[in-house]
PDB file of N, CA and C in Angstrom:
ATOM      1  N   MET A   1     138.548 114.088 152.774  1.00  0.00           N
ATOM      2  CA  MET A   1     139.319 113.060 152.074  1.00  0.00           C
ATOM      3  C   MET A   1     140.398 112.524 153.032  1.00  0.00           C
ATOM      4  N   ALA A   2     140.504 111.227 153.117  1.00  0.00           N
ATOM      5  CA  ALA A   2     141.438 110.582 154.048  1.00  0.00           C
ATOM      6  C   ALA A   2     142.816 110.421 153.415  1.00  0.00           C
ATOM      7  N   PHE A   3     143.795 110.242 154.284  1.00  0.00           N
ATOM      8  CA  PHE A   3     145.153 109.989 153.804  1.00  0.00           C
ATOM      9  C   PHE A   3     145.258 108.569 153.269  1.00  0.00           C
ATOM     10  N   LEU A   4     145.954 108.421 152.169  1.00  0.00           N
ATOM     11  CA  LEU A   4     146.272 107.089 151.654  1.00  0.00           C
ATOM     12  C   LEU A   4     147.432 106.524 152.464  1.00  0.00           C
ATOM     13  N   ILE A   5     148.459 107.354 152.649  1.00  0.00           N
ATOM     14  CA  ILE A   5     149.645 106.945 153.412  1.00  0.00           C
ATOM     15  C   ILE A   5     149.981 108.042 154.419  1.00  0.00           C
ATOM     16  N   GLU A   6     150.241 107.621 155.651  1.00  0.00           N
ATOM     17  CA  GLU A   6     150.741 108.518 156.686  1.00  0.00           C
ATOM     18  C   GLU A   6     152.055 107.935 157.197  1.00  0.00           C
ATOM     19  N   VAL A   7     153.092 108.734 157.165  1.00  0.00           N
ATOM     20  CA  VAL A   7     154.400 108.327 157.687  1.00  0.00           C
ATOM     21  C   VAL A   7     154.683 109.220 158.891  1.00  0.00           C
ATOM     22  N   LYS A   8     154.927 108.574 160.036  1.00  0.00           N
ATOM     23  CA  LYS A   8     155.109 109.330 161.281  1.00  0.00           C
ATOM     24  C   LYS A   8     156.448 108.972 161.925  1.00  0.00           C
ATOM     25  N   ASN A   9     157.323 109.948 161.985  1.00  0.00           N
ATOM     26  CA  ASN A   9     158.603 109.843 162.696  1.00  0.00           C
ATOM     27  C   ASN A   9     159.374 108.575 162.346  1.00  0.00           C
ATOM     28  N   LEU A  10     159.487 108.297 161.073  1.00  0.00           N
ATOM     29  CA  LEU A  10     160.129 107.071 160.602  1.00  0.00           C
ATOM     30  C   LEU A  10     161.649 107.184 160.674  1.00  0.00           C
ATOM     31  N   LYS A  11     162.265 106.155 161.249  1.00  0.00           N
ATOM     32  CA  LYS A  11     163.727 106.104 161.383  1.00  0.00           C
ATOM     33  C   LYS A  11     164.221 104.726 160.988  1.00  0.00           C
ATOM     34  N   LYS A  12     165.373 104.701 160.331  1.00  0.00           N
ATOM     35  CA  LYS A  12     166.064 103.439 160.057  1.00  0.00           C
ATOM     36  C   LYS A  12     167.548 103.690 160.231  1.00  0.00           C
ATOM     37  N   TYR A  13     168.125 103.045 161.246  1.00  0.00           N
ATOM     38  CA  TYR A  13     169.550 103.135 161.526  1.00  0.00           C
ATOM     39  C   TYR A  13     170.163 101.770 161.259  1.00  0.00           C
ATOM     40  N   PHE A  14     171.248 101.765 160.523  1.00  0.00           N
ATOM     41  CA  PHE A  14     171.985 100.529 160.256  1.00  0.00           C
ATOM     42  C   PHE A  14     173.240 100.522 161.126  1.00  0.00           C
ATOM     43  N   PRO A  15     173.454  99.446 161.886  1.00  0.00           N
ATOM     44  CA  PRO A  15     174.627  99.393 162.763  1.00  0.00           C
ATOM     45  C   PRO A  15     175.917  99.222 161.979  1.00  0.00           C
ATOM     46  N   LEU A  16     176.961  99.888 162.448  1.00  0.00           N
ATOM     47  CA  LEU A  16     178.304  99.697 161.912  1.00  0.00           C
ATOM     48  C   LEU A  16     179.033  98.772 162.874  1.00  0.00           C
ATOM     49  N   LYS A  17     179.433  97.623 162.400  1.00  0.00           N
ATOM     50  CA  LYS A  17     180.116  96.677 163.275  1.00  0.00           C
ATOM     51  C   LYS A  17     181.584  97.061 163.377  1.00  0.00           C
ATOM     52  N   THR A  18     182.063  97.071 164.590  1.00  0.00           N
ATOM     53  CA  THR A  18     183.443  97.483 164.824  1.00  0.00           C
ATOM     54  C   THR A  18     184.374  96.290 164.953  1.00  0.00           C
ATOM     55  N   PHE A  19     184.010  95.321 165.762  1.00  0.00           N
ATOM     56  CA  PHE A  19     184.833  94.130 165.975  1.00  0.00           C
ATOM     57  C   PHE A  19     183.946  92.899 165.949  1.00  0.00           C
ATOM     58  N   PHE A  20     184.532  91.779 165.701  1.00  0.00           N
ATOM     59  CA  PHE A  20     183.814  90.511 165.682  1.00  0.00           C
ATOM     60  C   PHE A  20     183.133  90.283 167.033  1.00  0.00           C
ATOM     61  N   LEU A  21     181.841  89.987 166.996  1.00  0.00           N
ATOM     62  CA  LEU A  21     181.007  89.706 168.174  1.00  0.00           C
ATOM     63  C   LEU A  21     180.844  90.875 169.146  1.00  0.00           C
ATOM     64  N   SER A  22     181.203  92.063 168.740  1.00  0.00           N
ATOM     65  CA  SER A  22     180.991  93.215 169.618  1.00  0.00           C
ATOM     66  C   SER A  22     179.700  93.926 169.223  1.00  0.00           C
ATOM     67  N   ARG A  23     179.140  94.652 170.143  1.00  0.00           N
ATOM     68  CA  ARG A  23     177.925  95.415 169.872  1.00  0.00           C
ATOM     69  C   ARG A  23     178.262  96.654 169.054  1.00  0.00           C
ATOM     70  N   ALA A  24     177.335  96.992 168.176  1.00  0.00           N
ATOM     71  CA  ALA A  24     177.529  98.193 167.366  1.00  0.00           C
ATOM     72  C   ALA A  24     177.415  99.429 168.247  1.00  0.00           C
ATOM     73  N   ARG A  25     178.343 100.316 168.103  1.00  0.00           N
ATOM     74  CA  ARG A  25     178.316 101.563 168.862  1.00  0.00           C
ATOM     75  C   ARG A  25     178.037 102.762 167.965  1.00  0.00           C
ATOM     76  N   HIS A  26     178.191 102.542 166.675  1.00  0.00           N
ATOM     77  CA  HIS A  26     177.962 103.606 165.700  1.00  0.00           C
ATOM     78  C   HIS A  26     176.935 103.120 164.681  1.00  0.00           C
ATOM     79  N   PHE A  27     176.174 104.075 164.171  1.00  0.00           N
ATOM     80  CA  PHE A  27     175.113 103.737 163.241  1.00  0.00           C
ATOM     81  C   PHE A  27     175.131 104.680 162.046  1.00  0.00           C
ATOM     82  N   VAL A  28     174.681 104.166 160.909  1.00  0.00           N
ATOM     83  CA  VAL A  28     174.409 104.997 159.742  1.00  0.00           C
ATOM     84  C   VAL A  28     172.932 105.347 159.835  1.00  0.00           C
ATOM     85  N   ARG A  29     172.642 106.622 159.886  1.00  0.00           N
ATOM     86  CA  ARG A  29     171.253 107.075 159.968  1.00  0.00           C
ATOM     87  C   ARG A  29     170.720 107.255 158.551  1.00  0.00           C
ATOM     88  N   ALA A  30     170.239 106.161 157.982  1.00  0.00           N
ATOM     89  CA  ALA A  30     169.766 106.184 156.598  1.00  0.00           C
ATOM     90  C   ALA A  30     168.490 107.006 156.457  1.00  0.00           C
ATOM     91  N   VAL A  31     167.581 106.855 157.391  1.00  0.00           N
ATOM     92  CA  VAL A  31     166.349 107.646 157.453  1.00  0.00           C
ATOM     93  C   VAL A  31     166.242 108.118 158.894  1.00  0.00           C
ATOM     94  N   ASP A  32     166.133 109.418 159.074  1.00  0.00           N
ATOM     95  CA  ASP A  32     166.203 109.950 160.436  1.00  0.00           C
ATOM     96  C   ASP A  32     165.026 110.873 160.732  1.00  0.00           C
ATOM     97  N   ASP A  33     163.936 110.294 161.212  1.00  0.00           N
ATOM     98  CA  ASP A  33     162.783 111.041 161.693  1.00  0.00           C
ATOM     99  C   ASP A  33     162.077 111.826 160.589  1.00  0.00           C
ATOM    100  N   ILE A  34     161.542 111.094 159.602  1.00  0.00           N
ATOM    101  CA  ILE A  34     160.781 111.758 158.546  1.00  0.00           C
ATOM    102  C   ILE A  34     159.293 111.511 158.750  1.00  0.00           C
ATOM    103  N   SER A  35     158.501 112.477 158.381  1.00  0.00           N
ATOM    104  CA  SER A  35     157.044 112.384 158.448  1.00  0.00           C
ATOM    105  C   SER A  35     156.469 113.064 157.218  1.00  0.00           C
ATOM    106  N   PHE A  36     155.457 112.447 156.636  1.00  0.00           N
ATOM    107  CA  PHE A  36     154.730 113.061 155.524  1.00  0.00           C
ATOM    108  C   PHE A  36     153.422 112.314 155.329  1.00  0.00           C
ATOM    109  N   ASN A  37     152.505 112.931 154.596  1.00  0.00           N
ATOM    110  CA  ASN A  37     151.209 112.330 154.276  1.00  0.00           C
ATOM    111  C   ASN A  37     151.005 112.380 152.775  1.00  0.00           C
ATOM    112  N   ILE A  38     150.334 111.373 152.250  1.00  0.00           N
ATOM    113  CA  ILE A  38     149.964 111.341 150.838  1.00  0.00           C
ATOM    114  C   ILE A  38     148.458 111.140 150.782  1.00  0.00           C
ATOM    115  N   MET A  39     147.771 112.049 150.122  1.00  0.00           N
ATOM    116  CA  MET A  39     146.319 111.973 149.996  1.00  0.00           C
ATOM    117  C   MET A  39     145.936 111.003 148.877  1.00  0.00           C
ATOM    118  N   GLU A  40     144.763 110.440 148.979  1.00  0.00           N
ATOM    119  CA  GLU A  40     144.214 109.585 147.923  1.00  0.00           C
ATOM    120  C   GLU A  40     144.164 110.393 146.628  1.00  0.00           C
ATOM    121  N   GLY A  41     144.673 109.845 145.527  1.00  0.00           N
ATOM    122  CA  GLY A  41     144.671 110.517 144.233  1.00  0.00           C
ATOM    123  C   GLY A  41     145.821 111.474 144.002  1.00  0.00           C
ATOM    124  N   GLU A  42     146.622 111.705 145.009  1.00  0.00           N
ATOM    125  CA  GLU A  42     147.747 112.627 144.913  1.00  0.00           C
ATOM    126  C   GLU A  42     148.958 111.908 144.301  1.00  0.00           C
ATOM    127  N   THR A  43     149.730 112.620 143.525  1.00  0.00           N
ATOM    128  CA  THR A  43     150.984 112.095 142.997  1.00  0.00           C
ATOM    129  C   THR A  43     152.105 112.584 143.898  1.00  0.00           C
ATOM    130  N   PHE A  44     152.982 111.666 144.281  1.00  0.00           N
ATOM    131  CA  PHE A  44     154.035 111.987 145.239  1.00  0.00           C
ATOM    132  C   PHE A  44     155.369 111.524 144.682  1.00  0.00           C
ATOM    133  N   GLY A  45     156.344 112.378 144.716  1.00  0.00           N
ATOM    134  CA  GLY A  45     157.694 112.015 144.291  1.00  0.00           C
ATOM    135  C   GLY A  45     158.673 112.306 145.406  1.00  0.00           C
ATOM    136  N   LEU A  46     159.556 111.378 145.661  1.00  0.00           N
ATOM    137  CA  LEU A  46     160.584 111.551 146.679  1.00  0.00           C
ATOM    138  C   LEU A  46     161.898 111.816 145.955  1.00  0.00           C
ATOM    139  N   VAL A  47     162.447 112.995 146.153  1.00  0.00           N
ATOM    140  CA  VAL A  47     163.603 113.447 145.398  1.00  0.00           C
ATOM    141  C   VAL A  47     164.712 113.842 146.362  1.00  0.00           C
ATOM    142  N   GLY A  48     165.941 113.523 145.993  1.00  0.00           N
ATOM    143  CA  GLY A  48     167.081 113.931 146.810  1.00  0.00           C
ATOM    144  C   GLY A  48     168.364 113.436 146.202  1.00  0.00           C
ATOM    145  N   GLU A  49     169.444 113.886 146.771  1.00  0.00           N
ATOM    146  CA  GLU A  49     170.751 113.501 146.241  1.00  0.00           C
ATOM    147  C   GLU A  49     171.045 112.034 146.532  1.00  0.00           C
ATOM    148  N   SER A  50     172.022 111.507 145.866  1.00  0.00           N
ATOM    149  CA  SER A  50     172.432 110.124 146.055  1.00  0.00           C
ATOM    150  C   SER A  50     172.831 109.881 147.506  1.00  0.00           C
ATOM    151  N   GLY A  51     172.318 108.797 148.080  1.00  0.00           N
ATOM    152  CA  GLY A  51     172.682 108.431 149.437  1.00  0.00           C
ATOM    153  C   GLY A  51     171.882 109.115 150.531  1.00  0.00           C
ATOM    154  N   CYS A  52     170.793 109.806 150.174  1.00  0.00           N
ATOM    155  CA  CYS A  52     170.041 110.546 151.194  1.00  0.00           C
ATOM    156  C   CYS A  52     168.934 109.725 151.849  1.00  0.00           C
ATOM    157  N   GLY A  53     168.688 108.497 151.395  1.00  0.00           N
ATOM    158  CA  GLY A  53     167.692 107.640 152.034  1.00  0.00           C
ATOM    159  C   GLY A  53     166.418 107.414 151.254  1.00  0.00           C
ATOM    160  N   LYS A  54     166.372 107.780 149.985  1.00  0.00           N
ATOM    161  CA  LYS A  54     165.159 107.590 149.188  1.00  0.00           C
ATOM    162  C   LYS A  54     164.788 106.111 149.062  1.00  0.00           C
ATOM    163  N   THR A  55     165.739 105.276 148.681  1.00  0.00           N
ATOM    164  CA  THR A  55     165.467 103.852 148.507  1.00  0.00           C
ATOM    165  C   THR A  55     165.128 103.204 149.836  1.00  0.00           C
ATOM    166  N   THR A  56     165.826 103.562 150.888  1.00  0.00           N
ATOM    167  CA  THR A  56     165.529 103.015 152.211  1.00  0.00           C
ATOM    168  C   THR A  56     164.114 103.395 152.633  1.00  0.00           C
ATOM    169  N   THR A  57     163.699 104.626 152.361  1.00  0.00           N
ATOM    170  CA  THR A  57     162.337 105.051 152.674  1.00  0.00           C
ATOM    171  C   THR A  57     161.331 104.209 151.902  1.00  0.00           C
ATOM    172  N   GLY A  58     161.578 103.985 150.626  1.00  0.00           N
ATOM    173  CA  GLY A  58     160.684 103.143 149.825  1.00  0.00           C
ATOM    174  C   GLY A  58     160.590 101.734 150.372  1.00  0.00           C
ATOM    175  N   ARG A  59     161.702 101.177 150.765  1.00  0.00           N
ATOM    176  CA  ARG A  59     161.705  99.821 151.332  1.00  0.00           C
ATOM    177  C   ARG A  59     160.965  99.776 152.664  1.00  0.00           C
ATOM    178  N   LEU A  60     161.071 100.838 153.452  1.00  0.00           N
ATOM    179  CA  LEU A  60     160.315 100.913 154.701  1.00  0.00           C
ATOM    180  C   LEU A  60     158.811 101.016 154.442  1.00  0.00           C
ATOM    181  N   LEU A  61     158.421 101.784 153.415  1.00  0.00           N
ATOM    182  CA  LEU A  61     157.007 101.945 153.089  1.00  0.00           C
ATOM    183  C   LEU A  61     156.387 100.639 152.603  1.00  0.00           C
ATOM    184  N   LEU A  62     157.189  99.796 151.968  1.00  0.00           N
ATOM    185  CA  LEU A  62     156.699  98.496 151.492  1.00  0.00           C
ATOM    186  C   LEU A  62     156.910  97.386 152.508  1.00  0.00           C
ATOM    187  N   ARG A  63     157.513  97.743 153.613  1.00  0.00           N
ATOM    188  CA  ARG A  63     157.872  96.810 154.693  1.00  0.00           C
ATOM    189  C   ARG A  63     158.786  95.693 154.192  1.00  0.00           C
ATOM    190  N   LEU A  64     159.705  96.065 153.338  1.00  0.00           N
ATOM    191  CA  LEU A  64     160.747  95.140 152.906  1.00  0.00           C
ATOM    192  C   LEU A  64     161.849  95.084 153.951  1.00  0.00           C
ATOM    193  N   ILE A  65     161.965  96.162 154.730  1.00  0.00           N
ATOM    194  CA  ILE A  65     162.860  96.204 155.883  1.00  0.00           C
ATOM    195  C   ILE A  65     162.065  96.786 157.051  1.00  0.00           C
ATOM    196  N   GLU A  66     162.489  96.459 158.258  1.00  0.00           N
ATOM    197  CA  GLU A  66     161.806  96.933 159.459  1.00  0.00           C
ATOM    198  C   GLU A  66     162.451  98.249 159.920  1.00  0.00           C
ATOM    199  N   PRO A  67     161.652  99.164 160.450  1.00  0.00           N
ATOM    200  CA  PRO A  67     162.206 100.443 160.901  1.00  0.00           C
ATOM    201  C   PRO A  67     162.864 100.329 162.271  1.00  0.00           C
ATOM    202  N   THR A  68     163.728 101.277 162.558  1.00  0.00           N
ATOM    203  CA  THR A  68     164.265 101.420 163.904  1.00  0.00           C
ATOM    204  C   THR A  68     163.158 101.938 164.817  1.00  0.00           C
ATOM    205  N   SER A  69     162.380 102.882 164.320  1.00  0.00           N
ATOM    206  CA  SER A  69     161.198 103.381 165.029  1.00  0.00           C
ATOM    207  C   SER A  69     160.319 104.137 164.045  1.00  0.00           C
ATOM    208  N   GLY A  70     159.116 104.462 164.485  1.00  0.00           N
ATOM    209  CA  GLY A  70     158.175 105.178 163.643  1.00  0.00           C
ATOM    210  C   GLY A  70     157.064 104.273 163.167  1.00  0.00           C
ATOM    211  N   ALA A  71     156.169 104.842 162.389  1.00  0.00           N
ATOM    212  CA  ALA A  71     155.016 104.092 161.899  1.00  0.00           C
ATOM    213  C   ALA A  71     154.667 104.518 160.484  1.00  0.00           C
ATOM    214  N   VAL A  72     154.115 103.574 159.729  1.00  0.00           N
ATOM    215  CA  VAL A  72     153.601 103.832 158.390  1.00  0.00           C
ATOM    216  C   VAL A  72     152.175 103.293 158.348  1.00  0.00           C
ATOM    217  N   TYR A  73     151.222 104.176 158.036  1.00  0.00           N
ATOM    218  CA  TYR A  73     149.822 103.783 157.949  1.00  0.00           C
ATOM    219  C   TYR A  73     149.391 103.816 156.490  1.00  0.00           C
ATOM    220  N   PHE A  74     148.791 102.732 156.032  1.00  0.00           N
ATOM    221  CA  PHE A  74     148.217 102.655 154.684  1.00  0.00           C
ATOM    222  C   PHE A  74     146.718 102.514 154.870  1.00  0.00           C
ATOM    223  N   ARG A  75     145.981 103.515 154.425  1.00  0.00           N
ATOM    224  CA  ARG A  75     144.530 103.574 154.604  1.00  0.00           C
ATOM    225  C   ARG A  75     144.136 103.353 156.064  1.00  0.00           C
ATOM    226  N   GLY A  76     144.902 103.986 156.948  1.00  0.00           N
ATOM    227  CA  GLY A  76     144.589 103.968 158.368  1.00  0.00           C
ATOM    228  C   GLY A  76     145.105 102.770 159.149  1.00  0.00           C
ATOM    229  N   ARG A  77     145.732 101.803 158.485  1.00  0.00           N
ATOM    230  CA  ARG A  77     146.237 100.616 159.173  1.00  0.00           C
ATOM    231  C   ARG A  77     147.753 100.650 159.231  1.00  0.00           C
ATOM    232  N   ASN A  78     148.294 100.410 160.408  1.00  0.00           N
ATOM    233  CA  ASN A  78     149.743 100.382 160.583  1.00  0.00           C
ATOM    234  C   ASN A  78     150.296  99.139 159.888  1.00  0.00           C
ATOM    235  N   ILE A  79     151.125  99.337 158.867  1.00  0.00           N
ATOM    236  CA  ILE A  79     151.612  98.189 158.087  1.00  0.00           C
ATOM    237  C   ILE A  79     152.546  97.299 158.900  1.00  0.00           C
ATOM    238  N   TYR A  80     153.098  97.817 159.975  1.00  0.00           N
ATOM    239  CA  TYR A  80     154.002  97.022 160.800  1.00  0.00           C
ATOM    240  C   TYR A  80     153.259  96.125 161.783  1.00  0.00           C
ATOM    241  N   GLU A  81     151.935  96.214 161.780  1.00  0.00           N
ATOM    242  CA  GLU A  81     151.116  95.339 162.614  1.00  0.00           C
ATOM    243  C   GLU A  81     150.386  94.281 161.785  1.00  0.00           C
ATOM    244  N   LEU A  82     150.587  94.271 160.461  1.00  0.00           N
ATOM    245  CA  LEU A  82     149.902  93.318 159.592  1.00  0.00           C
ATOM    246  C   LEU A  82     150.569  91.946 159.658  1.00  0.00           C
ATOM    247  N   ASN A  83     149.746  90.897 159.517  1.00  0.00           N
ATOM    248  CA  ASN A  83     150.316  89.548 159.442  1.00  0.00           C
ATOM    249  C   ASN A  83     150.765  89.270 158.005  1.00  0.00           C
ATOM    250  N   THR A  84     151.348  88.123 157.767  1.00  0.00           N
ATOM    251  CA  THR A  84     151.927  87.793 156.460  1.00  0.00           C
ATOM    252  C   THR A  84     150.891  87.840 155.341  1.00  0.00           C
ATOM    253  N   LYS A  85     149.717  87.295 155.581  1.00  0.00           N
ATOM    254  CA  LYS A  85     148.662  87.280 154.557  1.00  0.00           C
ATOM    255  C   LYS A  85     148.198  88.691 154.220  1.00  0.00           C
ATOM    256  N   GLU A  86     147.969  89.504 155.254  1.00  0.00           N
ATOM    257  CA  GLU A  86     147.539  90.886 155.043  1.00  0.00           C
ATOM    258  C   GLU A  86     148.611  91.693 154.316  1.00  0.00           C
ATOM    259  N   LEU A  87     149.865  91.446 154.660  1.00  0.00           N
ATOM    260  CA  LEU A  87     150.975  92.153 154.020  1.00  0.00           C
ATOM    261  C   LEU A  87     151.077  91.781 152.543  1.00  0.00           C
ATOM    262  N   ARG A  88     150.879  90.522 152.233  1.00  0.00           N
ATOM    263  CA  ARG A  88     150.913  90.072 150.838  1.00  0.00           C
ATOM    264  C   ARG A  88     149.822  90.761 150.031  1.00  0.00           C
ATOM    265  N   GLN A  89     148.629  90.907 150.594  1.00  0.00           N
ATOM    266  CA  GLN A  89     147.527  91.596 149.913  1.00  0.00           C
ATOM    267  C   GLN A  89     147.841  93.081 149.734  1.00  0.00           C
ATOM    268  N   LEU A  90     148.442  93.680 150.753  1.00  0.00           N
ATOM    269  CA  LEU A  90     148.809  95.093 150.691  1.00  0.00           C
ATOM    270  C   LEU A  90     149.799  95.362 149.561  1.00  0.00           C
ATOM    271  N   ARG A  91     150.763  94.496 149.398  1.00  0.00           N
ATOM    272  CA  ARG A  91     151.805  94.708 148.392  1.00  0.00           C
ATOM    273  C   ARG A  91     151.266  94.661 146.973  1.00  0.00           C
ATOM    274  N   ARG A  92     150.079  94.127 146.774  1.00  0.00           N
ATOM    275  CA  ARG A  92     149.441  94.163 145.449  1.00  0.00           C
ATOM    276  C   ARG A  92     149.017  95.575 145.076  1.00  0.00           C
ATOM    277  N   GLU A  93     148.858  96.422 146.084  1.00  0.00           N
ATOM    278  CA  GLU A  93     148.405  97.791 145.864  1.00  0.00           C
ATOM    279  C   GLU A  93     149.539  98.808 145.870  1.00  0.00           C
ATOM    280  N   MET A  94     150.766  98.369 146.154  1.00  0.00           N
ATOM    281  CA  MET A  94     151.888  99.286 146.277  1.00  0.00           C
ATOM    282  C   MET A  94     153.061  98.792 145.440  1.00  0.00           C
ATOM    283  N   GLN A  95     153.852  99.729 144.960  1.00  0.00           N
ATOM    284  CA  GLN A  95     155.092  99.357 144.285  1.00  0.00           C
ATOM    285  C   GLN A  95     156.069 100.526 144.319  1.00  0.00           C
ATOM    286  N   MET A  96     157.319 100.200 144.187  1.00  0.00           N
ATOM    287  CA  MET A  96     158.372 101.201 144.155  1.00  0.00           C
ATOM    288  C   MET A  96     158.862 101.268 142.708  1.00  0.00           C
ATOM    289  N   ILE A  97     159.028 102.470 142.200  1.00  0.00           N
ATOM    290  CA  ILE A  97     159.520 102.652 140.836  1.00  0.00           C
ATOM    291  C   ILE A  97     160.906 103.267 140.941  1.00  0.00           C
ATOM    292  N   PHE A  98     161.909 102.501 140.512  1.00  0.00           N
ATOM    293  CA  PHE A  98     163.282 102.977 140.577  1.00  0.00           C
ATOM    294  C   PHE A  98     163.598 103.816 139.353  1.00  0.00           C
ATOM    295  N   GLN A  99     164.383 104.830 139.561  1.00  0.00           N
ATOM    296  CA  GLN A  99     164.798 105.692 138.469  1.00  0.00           C
ATOM    297  C   GLN A  99     165.940 105.037 137.713  1.00  0.00           C
ATOM    298  N   ASP A 100     165.825 105.037 136.407  1.00  0.00           N
ATOM    299  CA  ASP A 100     166.915 104.586 135.554  1.00  0.00           C
ATOM    300  C   ASP A 100     167.678 105.840 135.127  1.00  0.00           C
ATOM    301  N   PRO A 101     168.871 106.083 135.672  1.00  0.00           N
ATOM    302  CA  PRO A 101     169.565 107.343 135.400  1.00  0.00           C
ATOM    303  C   PRO A 101     169.915 107.538 133.923  1.00  0.00           C
ATOM    304  N   TYR A 102     169.993 106.453 133.171  1.00  0.00           N
ATOM    305  CA  TYR A 102     170.350 106.587 131.761  1.00  0.00           C
ATOM    306  C   TYR A 102     169.147 106.891 130.889  1.00  0.00           C
ATOM    307  N   ALA A 103     167.949 106.601 131.391  1.00  0.00           N
ATOM    308  CA  ALA A 103     166.748 106.842 130.603  1.00  0.00           C
ATOM    309  C   ALA A 103     165.878 107.954 131.179  1.00  0.00           C
ATOM    310  N   SER A 104     166.239 108.487 132.324  1.00  0.00           N
ATOM    311  CA  SER A 104     165.368 109.450 132.990  1.00  0.00           C
ATOM    312  C   SER A 104     165.246 110.765 132.232  1.00  0.00           C
ATOM    313  N   LEU A 105     166.297 111.213 131.602  1.00  0.00           N
ATOM    314  CA  LEU A 105     166.239 112.450 130.834  1.00  0.00           C
ATOM    315  C   LEU A 105     166.658 112.182 129.397  1.00  0.00           C
ATOM    316  N   ASN A 106     165.662 111.916 128.565  1.00  0.00           N
ATOM    317  CA  ASN A 106     165.891 111.671 127.153  1.00  0.00           C
ATOM    318  C   ASN A 106     166.007 113.018 126.447  1.00  0.00           C
ATOM    319  N   PRO A 107     167.134 113.298 125.783  1.00  0.00           N
ATOM    320  CA  PRO A 107     167.302 114.605 125.143  1.00  0.00           C
ATOM    321  C   PRO A 107     166.331 114.844 123.981  1.00  0.00           C
ATOM    322  N   ARG A 108     165.667 113.806 123.510  1.00  0.00           N
ATOM    323  CA  ARG A 108     164.688 113.951 122.419  1.00  0.00           C
ATOM    324  C   ARG A 108     163.299 114.297 122.923  1.00  0.00           C
ATOM    325  N   LYS A 109     163.115 114.302 124.255  1.00  0.00           N
ATOM    326  CA  LYS A 109     161.807 114.599 124.827  1.00  0.00           C
ATOM    327  C   LYS A 109     161.887 115.851 125.695  1.00  0.00           C
ATOM    328  N   THR A 110     160.772 116.558 125.753  1.00  0.00           N
ATOM    329  CA  THR A 110     160.695 117.700 126.661  1.00  0.00           C
ATOM    330  C   THR A 110     160.474 117.177 128.080  1.00  0.00           C
ATOM    331  N   VAL A 111     160.671 118.037 129.066  1.00  0.00           N
ATOM    332  CA  VAL A 111     160.421 117.648 130.448  1.00  0.00           C
ATOM    333  C   VAL A 111     158.945 117.264 130.614  1.00  0.00           C
ATOM    334  N   MET A 112     158.039 118.011 129.988  1.00  0.00           N
ATOM    335  CA  MET A 112     156.603 117.717 130.073  1.00  0.00           C
ATOM    336  C   MET A 112     156.302 116.328 129.511  1.00  0.00           C
ATOM    337  N   GLN A 113     156.895 115.968 128.373  1.00  0.00           N
ATOM    338  CA  GLN A 113     156.674 114.640 127.809  1.00  0.00           C
ATOM    339  C   GLN A 113     157.169 113.549 128.755  1.00  0.00           C
ATOM    340  N   THR A 114     158.324 113.766 129.352  1.00  0.00           N
ATOM    341  CA  THR A 114     158.905 112.783 130.264  1.00  0.00           C
ATOM    342  C   THR A 114     158.032 112.607 131.498  1.00  0.00           C
ATOM    343  N   LEU A 115     157.570 113.716 132.087  1.00  0.00           N
ATOM    344  CA  LEU A 115     156.775 113.641 133.315  1.00  0.00           C
ATOM    345  C   LEU A 115     155.349 113.163 133.071  1.00  0.00           C
ATOM    346  N   SER A 116     154.803 113.410 131.894  1.00  0.00           N
ATOM    347  CA  SER A 116     153.409 113.034 131.630  1.00  0.00           C
ATOM    348  C   SER A 116     153.245 111.581 131.171  1.00  0.00           C
ATOM    349  N   GLN A 117     154.324 110.942 130.767  1.00  0.00           N
ATOM    350  CA  GLN A 117     154.217 109.575 130.247  1.00  0.00           C
ATOM    351  C   GLN A 117     153.580 108.587 131.231  1.00  0.00           C
ATOM    352  N   PRO A 118     153.976 108.542 132.506  1.00  0.00           N
ATOM    353  CA  PRO A 118     153.313 107.603 133.430  1.00  0.00           C
ATOM    354  C   PRO A 118     151.814 107.860 133.568  1.00  0.00           C
ATOM    355  N   PHE A 119     151.404 109.133 133.507  1.00  0.00           N
ATOM    356  CA  PHE A 119     149.989 109.458 133.624  1.00  0.00           C
ATOM    357  C   PHE A 119     149.225 108.984 132.386  1.00  0.00           C
ATOM    358  N   GLN A 120     149.847 109.094 131.225  1.00  0.00           N
ATOM    359  CA  GLN A 120     149.219 108.614 129.999  1.00  0.00           C
ATOM    360  C   GLN A 120     149.071 107.097 130.022  1.00  0.00           C
ATOM    361  N   ILE A 121     150.091 106.430 130.512  1.00  0.00           N
ATOM    362  CA  ILE A 121     150.060 104.963 130.590  1.00  0.00           C
ATOM    363  C   ILE A 121     148.943 104.498 131.513  1.00  0.00           C
ATOM    364  N   HIS A 122     148.784 105.176 132.644  1.00  0.00           N
ATOM    365  CA  HIS A 122     147.789 104.769 133.635  1.00  0.00           C
ATOM    366  C   HIS A 122     146.470 105.515 133.482  1.00  0.00           C
ATOM    367  N   LYS A 123     146.304 106.233 132.371  1.00  0.00           N
ATOM    368  CA  LYS A 123     145.071 106.923 132.040  1.00  0.00           C
ATOM    369  C   LYS A 123     144.639 107.948 133.078  1.00  0.00           C
ATOM    370  N   ASN A 124     145.597 108.613 133.690  1.00  0.00           N
ATOM    371  CA  ASN A 124     145.309 109.690 134.652  1.00  0.00           C
ATOM    372  C   ASN A 124     145.647 111.023 134.012  1.00  0.00           C
ATOM    373  N   SER A 125     144.968 112.043 134.445  1.00  0.00           N
ATOM    374  CA  SER A 125     145.255 113.375 133.961  1.00  0.00           C
ATOM    375  C   SER A 125     146.390 113.978 134.765  1.00  0.00           C
ATOM    376  N   LEU A 126     147.352 114.574 134.086  1.00  0.00           N
ATOM    377  CA  LEU A 126     148.468 115.225 134.760  1.00  0.00           C
ATOM    378  C   LEU A 126     147.982 116.399 135.594  1.00  0.00           C
ATOM    379  N   LEU A 127     146.998 117.080 135.084  1.00  0.00           N
ATOM    380  CA  LEU A 127     146.474 118.249 135.789  1.00  0.00           C
ATOM    381  C   LEU A 127     145.103 117.915 136.348  1.00  0.00           C
ATOM    382  N   GLN A 128     145.045 116.865 137.165  1.00  0.00           N
ATOM    383  CA  GLN A 128     143.797 116.351 137.696  1.00  0.00           C
ATOM    384  C   GLN A 128     143.103 117.345 138.610  1.00  0.00           C
ATOM    385  N   ARG A 129     143.848 118.123 139.336  1.00  0.00           N
ATOM    386  CA  ARG A 129     143.235 119.052 140.305  1.00  0.00           C
ATOM    387  C   ARG A 129     143.112 120.429 139.769  1.00  0.00           C
TER     388      ARG A 129
END
């Protein structure tokens, strides 16, 4: 079984500007050398504390922002080498789901009910494997 997504040594540094028209000497390391693979049919969740780079990673995976370095492969193709038309087609197959902190943990639902709802909506089995 092939990888759906391969992330290799992905980095995104945002420059901190110090003075008007000067070069950035300091950077915020939003994503610093992460690698992971997602298999076809696998469910993947990216979890971490606030400010750890989850949203930046998602934006890099969708190529909404360009990386400082690294590569992201979707079905074996480097998404950073795709042209505009190919990228538009790719984005039909991918999406980022943002967490709503006020609705993520409903006290009227069990954890199992909360986690299984997306699978029920998309007609997938929670315990597929």
